[in-house]
Amino acid sequence: MAGFAVGDAAGVPDTAAVLEAFDALERRMWSGRAAAYAASFARLCAHPVPALLDAAAVGPGSAVLDVGTGTGAAAAAACARDARVTAVDAEPSMLAEARRNAPAAEVRAATLPELPFADASFDAVVGNFVINHVGRQRAAVAELRRVLRPGGRLALTAWATPAPPGQALLGRAVEAAGVPRPAHLPPPPAALQALGSPDGFTALLTAGGLHDAQCRTLRWDHRTTEEEWWSGPAARVAFLGELLHSQPPAVRTRVRREFGRLAEEFRTADGGLALPHAALLVSARR
């Protein structure tokens, strides 16, 4: 999920300390969260996978790296295309989910921007909503380029900004409840802001030595329920879950009340929610 939503402003200068604090927060936020993520946000994040694999030209026999595989949605879909898939993630609970969901893939522990593979190992590299969870993004892209074979393709997704109102629903509830950003949650790196724009996202790949970078916007309505959507932050998933967890019970109750009020904007005839979302899909070749 999109990580930062409360008091982001324009980020802060990307010093080594800022990037280290960001990466440490990411590791803490996702530690042991795979089951809760699978029950809440995983289906949303899987939506761009077919387009992501198409952009990377993943097909039968392709040697594919799925970096930041999470619960393994992209890895499983690539295996279904008869590709030879390696999937990596930094979080052990995610690796366990990925092994179950993509049993034909080789699933390994690894953390960007350092990957345990030789140069030019893969025909295609994909990363579904992972680059926005990495502090040193330029180093990460350079590493992804390194493991690509000449002519191979890289495809990445990130959430678009400004976010559609349904995509921002949880953040809007936090803000409506008057919850400030806690001091112990570090602000995002300034470079993170650029990922939300097509120009910024393509520039990141071009700066990393890739060619013919192109970006398109994917838009869709995510169908869910109020209970399912609230279950993510309630289980401490992602940044807003971490923020919510740091609040006293009365404040969490107030946020939940505001969430229910704002959710009415997206109520469907069957009582569920239809939440407009937008993501950027960028691809390039080595």
Protein backbone atom coordinates (compact mmCIF):
# COMPACT_ATOMS: atom_id res chain seq x y z
CA MET A 1 0.00 0.00 0.00
CA ALA A 2 0.93 3.60 -0.37
CA GLY A 3 3.03 4.29 2.68
CA PHE A 4 2.94 7.93 3.72
CA ALA A 5 -0.22 9.96 3.84
CA VAL A 6 -0.20 12.19 6.89
CA GLY A 7 1.98 15.28 6.98
CA ASP A 8 4.18 14.26 4.06
CA ALA A 9 4.68 17.73 2.61
CA ALA A 10 7.51 17.38 0.11
CA GLY A 11 9.62 14.92 2.02
CA VAL A 12 12.97 15.87 3.53
CA PRO A 13 16.51 16.02 2.11
CA ASP A 14 17.79 12.53 1.39
CA THR A 15 20.67 12.32 3.82
CA ALA A 16 22.11 8.95 4.80
CA ALA A 17 20.36 9.22 8.16
CA VAL A 18 16.96 9.88 6.51
CA LEU A 19 17.33 6.90 4.17
CA GLU A 20 18.47 4.63 6.98
CA ALA A 21 15.52 5.68 9.16
CA PHE A 22 13.12 5.10 6.26
CA ASP A 23 14.46 1.60 5.58
CA ALA A 24 14.35 0.74 9.28
CA LEU A 25 10.72 1.87 9.47
CA GLU A 26 9.84 -0.25 6.43
CA ARG A 27 11.40 -3.35 8.00
CA ARG A 28 9.53 -2.72 11.25
CA MET A 29 6.19 -2.03 9.54
CA TRP A 30 6.19 -5.23 7.53
CA SER A 31 7.72 -7.62 10.05
CA GLY A 32 5.34 -10.55 10.54
CA ARG A 33 2.53 -8.80 8.64
CA ALA A 34 2.11 -11.20 5.70
CA ALA A 35 -1.13 -12.83 6.88
CA ALA A 36 -2.75 -9.49 7.71
CA TYR A 37 -1.62 -8.04 4.38
CA ALA A 38 -2.97 -11.08 2.52
CA ALA A 39 -6.36 -10.59 4.19
CA SER A 40 -6.60 -6.87 3.44
CA PHE A 41 -4.49 -5.19 0.75
CA ALA A 42 -2.92 -8.05 -1.23
CA ARG A 43 -5.81 -8.42 -3.66
CA LEU A 44 -5.69 -4.70 -4.42
CA CYS A 45 -1.96 -4.77 -5.06
CA ALA A 46 -2.28 -7.80 -7.35
CA HIS A 47 -4.49 -5.92 -9.81
CA PRO A 48 -1.64 -4.52 -12.01
CA VAL A 49 0.21 -7.86 -12.24
CA PRO A 50 -0.95 -8.90 -15.74
CA ALA A 51 -0.01 -5.49 -17.18
CA LEU A 52 3.28 -5.56 -15.26
CA LEU A 53 4.25 -8.92 -16.77
CA ASP A 54 3.21 -7.78 -20.24
CA ALA A 55 5.39 -4.67 -19.91
CA ALA A 56 8.37 -6.87 -19.04
CA ALA A 57 7.61 -9.24 -21.95
CA VAL A 58 7.29 -12.23 -19.62
CA GLY A 59 6.44 -15.40 -21.53
CA PRO A 60 7.27 -19.10 -21.82
CA GLY A 61 10.88 -19.83 -20.96
CA SER A 62 11.67 -16.31 -19.72
CA ALA A 63 14.08 -16.12 -16.80
CA VAL A 64 12.22 -13.73 -14.50
CA LEU A 65 13.10 -12.06 -11.22
CA ASP A 66 10.18 -10.87 -9.09
CA VAL A 67 11.75 -8.50 -6.59
CA GLY A 68 9.82 -7.67 -3.43
CA THR A 69 7.44 -10.50 -4.21
CA GLY A 70 5.32 -10.06 -1.07
CA THR A 71 2.75 -12.84 -1.02
CA GLY A 72 3.87 -13.99 -4.47
CA ALA A 73 1.14 -12.69 -6.80
CA ALA A 74 3.47 -11.67 -9.63
CA ALA A 75 5.62 -14.77 -9.18
CA ALA A 76 2.59 -17.06 -9.40
CA ALA A 77 1.28 -15.25 -12.48
CA ALA A 78 4.69 -15.48 -14.17
CA CYS A 79 4.84 -19.21 -13.42
CA ALA A 80 1.40 -19.55 -15.02
CA ARG A 81 2.98 -18.10 -18.19
CA ASP A 82 5.56 -20.93 -18.10
CA ALA A 83 8.37 -18.55 -17.16
CA ARG A 84 11.31 -19.66 -15.01
CA VAL A 85 10.75 -17.54 -11.91
CA THR A 86 12.95 -16.45 -9.04
CA ALA A 87 11.22 -14.40 -6.35
CA VAL A 88 12.84 -12.48 -3.50
CA ASP A 89 11.62 -10.55 -0.48
CA ALA A 90 13.18 -9.21 2.69
CA GLU A 91 10.42 -10.33 5.07
CA PRO A 92 10.34 -14.00 6.21
CA SER A 93 6.56 -14.09 6.66
CA MET A 94 6.12 -12.86 3.08
CA LEU A 95 8.50 -15.54 1.83
CA ALA A 96 6.40 -18.22 3.49
CA GLU A 97 3.26 -16.88 1.78
CA ALA A 98 5.05 -16.64 -1.58
CA ARG A 99 6.28 -20.23 -1.37
CA ARG A 100 2.74 -21.39 -0.79
CA ASN A 101 1.22 -19.24 -3.54
CA ALA A 102 3.97 -19.81 -6.14
CA PRO A 103 5.33 -23.32 -5.47
CA ALA A 104 6.98 -23.51 -8.90
CA ALA A 105 9.12 -20.43 -8.22
CA GLU A 106 12.51 -20.34 -6.51
CA VAL A 107 11.82 -18.11 -3.52
CA ARG A 108 14.78 -16.55 -1.69
CA ALA A 109 15.50 -13.90 0.92
CA ALA A 110 17.11 -10.73 -0.44
CA THR A 111 16.93 -6.99 0.18
CA LEU A 112 17.38 -4.18 -2.30
CA PRO A 113 19.70 -2.60 -3.26
CA GLU A 114 21.89 -5.72 -2.98
CA LEU A 115 20.83 -8.90 -4.79
CA PRO A 116 22.61 -12.29 -4.61
CA PHE A 117 22.71 -12.86 -8.37
CA ALA A 118 25.37 -12.65 -11.05
CA ASP A 119 25.36 -9.93 -13.65
CA ALA A 120 22.93 -10.41 -16.54
CA SER A 121 21.05 -13.31 -14.89
CA PHE A 122 17.50 -12.53 -16.02
CA ASP A 123 15.53 -11.79 -19.18
CA ALA A 124 12.99 -9.76 -17.20
CA VAL A 125 12.81 -8.12 -13.78
CA VAL A 126 9.51 -7.01 -12.23
CA GLY A 127 8.72 -5.21 -9.00
CA ASN A 128 5.11 -4.67 -8.00
CA PHE A 129 4.80 -1.76 -5.53
CA VAL A 130 8.29 -2.35 -4.15
CA ILE A 131 10.45 0.60 -5.26
CA ASN A 132 8.39 2.93 -3.04
CA HIS A 133 9.50 0.85 -0.03
CA VAL A 134 13.22 1.35 -0.74
CA GLY A 135 15.15 4.33 0.55
CA ARG A 136 18.07 4.21 -1.90
CA GLN A 137 15.99 4.07 -5.06
CA ARG A 138 18.71 4.96 -7.55
CA ALA A 139 20.98 2.28 -6.15
CA ALA A 140 18.08 -0.18 -6.32
CA VAL A 141 17.41 0.58 -10.00
CA ALA A 142 21.11 0.25 -10.78
CA GLU A 143 21.09 -3.17 -9.11
CA LEU A 144 18.01 -4.26 -11.06
CA ARG A 145 19.72 -3.18 -14.27
CA ARG A 146 22.84 -5.12 -13.30
CA VAL A 147 21.01 -8.44 -13.07
CA LEU A 148 19.17 -7.87 -16.39
CA ARG A 149 20.57 -9.33 -19.58
CA PRO A 150 21.27 -6.90 -22.45
CA GLY A 151 17.94 -6.20 -24.12
CA GLY A 152 16.02 -7.47 -21.09
CA ARG A 153 13.14 -5.48 -19.67
CA LEU A 154 12.43 -3.99 -16.25
CA ALA A 155 8.87 -3.15 -15.17
CA LEU A 156 7.86 -1.49 -11.90
CA THR A 157 4.66 -0.14 -10.35
CA ALA A 158 4.08 2.58 -7.77
CA TRP A 159 1.00 4.44 -6.55
CA ALA A 160 0.09 7.58 -8.47
CA THR A 161 -0.18 10.97 -6.78
CA PRO A 162 -2.33 12.77 -6.10
CA ALA A 163 -4.27 9.71 -5.03
CA PRO A 164 -7.93 9.34 -6.03
CA PRO A 165 -10.26 9.86 -3.05
CA GLY A 166 -10.97 6.14 -2.65
CA GLN A 167 -7.27 5.32 -2.63
CA ALA A 168 -6.77 7.98 0.02
CA LEU A 169 -9.74 6.87 2.14
CA LEU A 170 -7.74 5.60 5.11
CA GLY A 171 -5.45 8.62 5.15
CA ARG A 172 -8.44 10.93 4.90
CA ALA A 173 -9.98 9.26 7.95
CA VAL A 174 -6.78 9.77 9.94
CA GLU A 175 -6.65 13.43 8.96
CA ALA A 176 -10.36 13.98 9.65
CA ALA A 177 -9.81 12.60 13.15
CA GLY A 178 -7.07 15.18 13.70
CA VAL A 179 -4.26 12.67 14.24
CA PRO A 180 -0.80 14.26 13.88
CA ARG A 181 2.19 12.41 12.52
CA PRO A 182 4.01 10.92 15.54
CA ALA A 183 7.57 12.08 16.03
CA HIS A 184 8.87 8.50 16.09
CA LEU A 185 7.68 7.89 12.49
CA PRO A 186 10.30 9.51 10.24
CA PRO A 187 9.22 11.57 7.22
CA PRO A 188 9.64 10.07 3.75
CA PRO A 189 12.68 10.77 1.60
CA ALA A 190 12.19 13.62 -0.86
CA ALA A 191 12.89 11.29 -3.80
CA LEU A 192 9.87 9.20 -2.86
CA GLN A 193 7.57 12.01 -4.00
CA ALA A 194 8.84 11.77 -7.59
CA LEU A 195 7.60 8.20 -7.98
CA GLY A 196 4.00 9.41 -8.05
CA SER A 197 4.44 11.29 -11.35
CA PRO A 198 5.11 9.71 -14.77
CA ASP A 199 8.00 12.09 -15.45
CA GLY A 200 9.63 11.39 -12.10
CA PHE A 201 9.22 7.64 -12.38
CA THR A 202 10.62 7.41 -15.91
CA ALA A 203 13.48 9.73 -14.95
CA LEU A 204 14.47 7.30 -12.19
CA LEU A 205 14.89 4.47 -14.71
CA THR A 206 16.69 6.65 -17.23
CA ALA A 207 19.11 7.84 -14.54
CA GLY A 208 19.75 4.18 -13.74
CA GLY A 209 21.07 3.53 -17.25
CA LEU A 210 17.96 1.98 -18.77
CA HIS A 211 16.58 2.87 -22.20
CA ASP A 212 13.24 3.70 -23.78
CA ALA A 213 11.53 4.25 -20.43
CA GLN A 214 7.79 4.67 -20.71
CA CYS A 215 5.02 5.05 -18.18
CA ARG A 216 1.27 4.63 -18.20
CA THR A 217 -1.42 5.12 -15.59
CA LEU A 218 -3.62 2.21 -14.53
CA ARG A 219 -7.02 3.12 -13.06
CA TRP A 220 -9.57 0.80 -11.52
CA ASP A 221 -12.22 0.54 -8.82
CA HIS A 222 -11.18 -1.88 -6.11
CA ARG A 223 -14.15 -3.83 -4.76
CA THR A 224 -13.93 -4.55 -1.06
CA THR A 225 -15.91 -4.24 2.16
CA GLU A 226 -15.65 -1.74 4.97
CA GLU A 227 -14.52 -4.49 7.34
CA GLU A 228 -11.85 -5.84 4.99
CA TRP A 229 -10.44 -2.40 4.26
CA TRP A 230 -10.28 -1.45 7.92
CA SER A 231 -8.66 -4.77 8.85
CA GLY A 232 -5.34 -3.73 7.30
CA PRO A 233 -4.52 -0.73 9.48
CA ALA A 234 -6.25 -2.39 12.44
CA ALA A 235 -3.70 -5.20 12.12
CA ARG A 236 -0.83 -2.66 11.91
CA VAL A 237 -0.25 -3.12 8.17
CA ALA A 238 1.74 -0.42 6.32
CA PHE A 239 2.38 3.14 7.44
CA LEU A 240 -1.16 4.03 8.44
CA GLY A 241 -1.36 0.82 10.45
CA GLU A 242 1.83 1.79 12.27
CA LEU A 243 0.48 5.28 12.88
CA LEU A 244 -2.84 3.95 14.16
CA HIS A 245 -1.11 1.47 16.46
CA SER A 246 0.81 4.33 18.10
CA GLN A 247 -2.42 6.10 19.15
CA PRO A 248 -4.41 5.61 22.36
CA PRO A 249 -7.65 3.59 22.10
CA ALA A 250 -9.88 6.68 22.09
CA VAL A 251 -8.07 8.09 19.07
CA ARG A 252 -8.24 4.78 17.21
CA THR A 253 -11.98 4.74 17.87
CA ARG A 254 -12.30 8.25 16.47
CA VAL A 255 -10.39 7.30 13.31
CA ARG A 256 -12.61 4.24 12.86
CA ARG A 257 -15.71 6.43 13.15
CA GLU A 258 -14.40 8.89 10.55
CA PHE A 259 -13.46 5.99 8.28
CA GLY A 260 -17.03 4.68 8.40
CA ARG A 261 -18.44 8.13 7.67
CA LEU A 262 -16.15 8.74 4.69
CA ALA A 263 -16.65 5.23 3.34
CA GLU A 264 -20.29 6.05 2.57
CA GLU A 265 -19.07 7.99 -0.45
CA PHE A 266 -18.04 4.70 -2.05
CA ARG A 267 -20.89 2.46 -0.92
CA THR A 268 -22.26 0.08 -3.57
CA ALA A 269 -25.76 -1.34 -3.93
CA ASP A 270 -24.71 -4.59 -2.29
CA GLY A 271 -23.30 -2.77 0.75
CA GLY A 272 -19.65 -3.10 -0.24
CA LEU A 273 -17.18 -0.43 -1.32
CA ALA A 274 -15.86 0.53 -4.77
CA LEU A 275 -12.64 2.48 -4.20
CA PRO A 276 -11.06 4.30 -7.18
CA HIS A 277 -7.31 3.65 -7.39
CA ALA A 278 -4.51 4.77 -9.70
CA ALA A 279 -1.06 3.29 -10.15
CA LEU A 280 1.86 4.05 -12.45
CA LEU A 281 3.45 1.28 -14.51
CA VAL A 282 6.91 2.13 -15.85
CA SER A 283 9.05 -0.10 -18.04
CA ALA A 284 12.38 0.14 -19.83
CA ARG A 285 15.02 -2.06 -21.42
CA ARG A 286 18.66 -2.59 -20.61
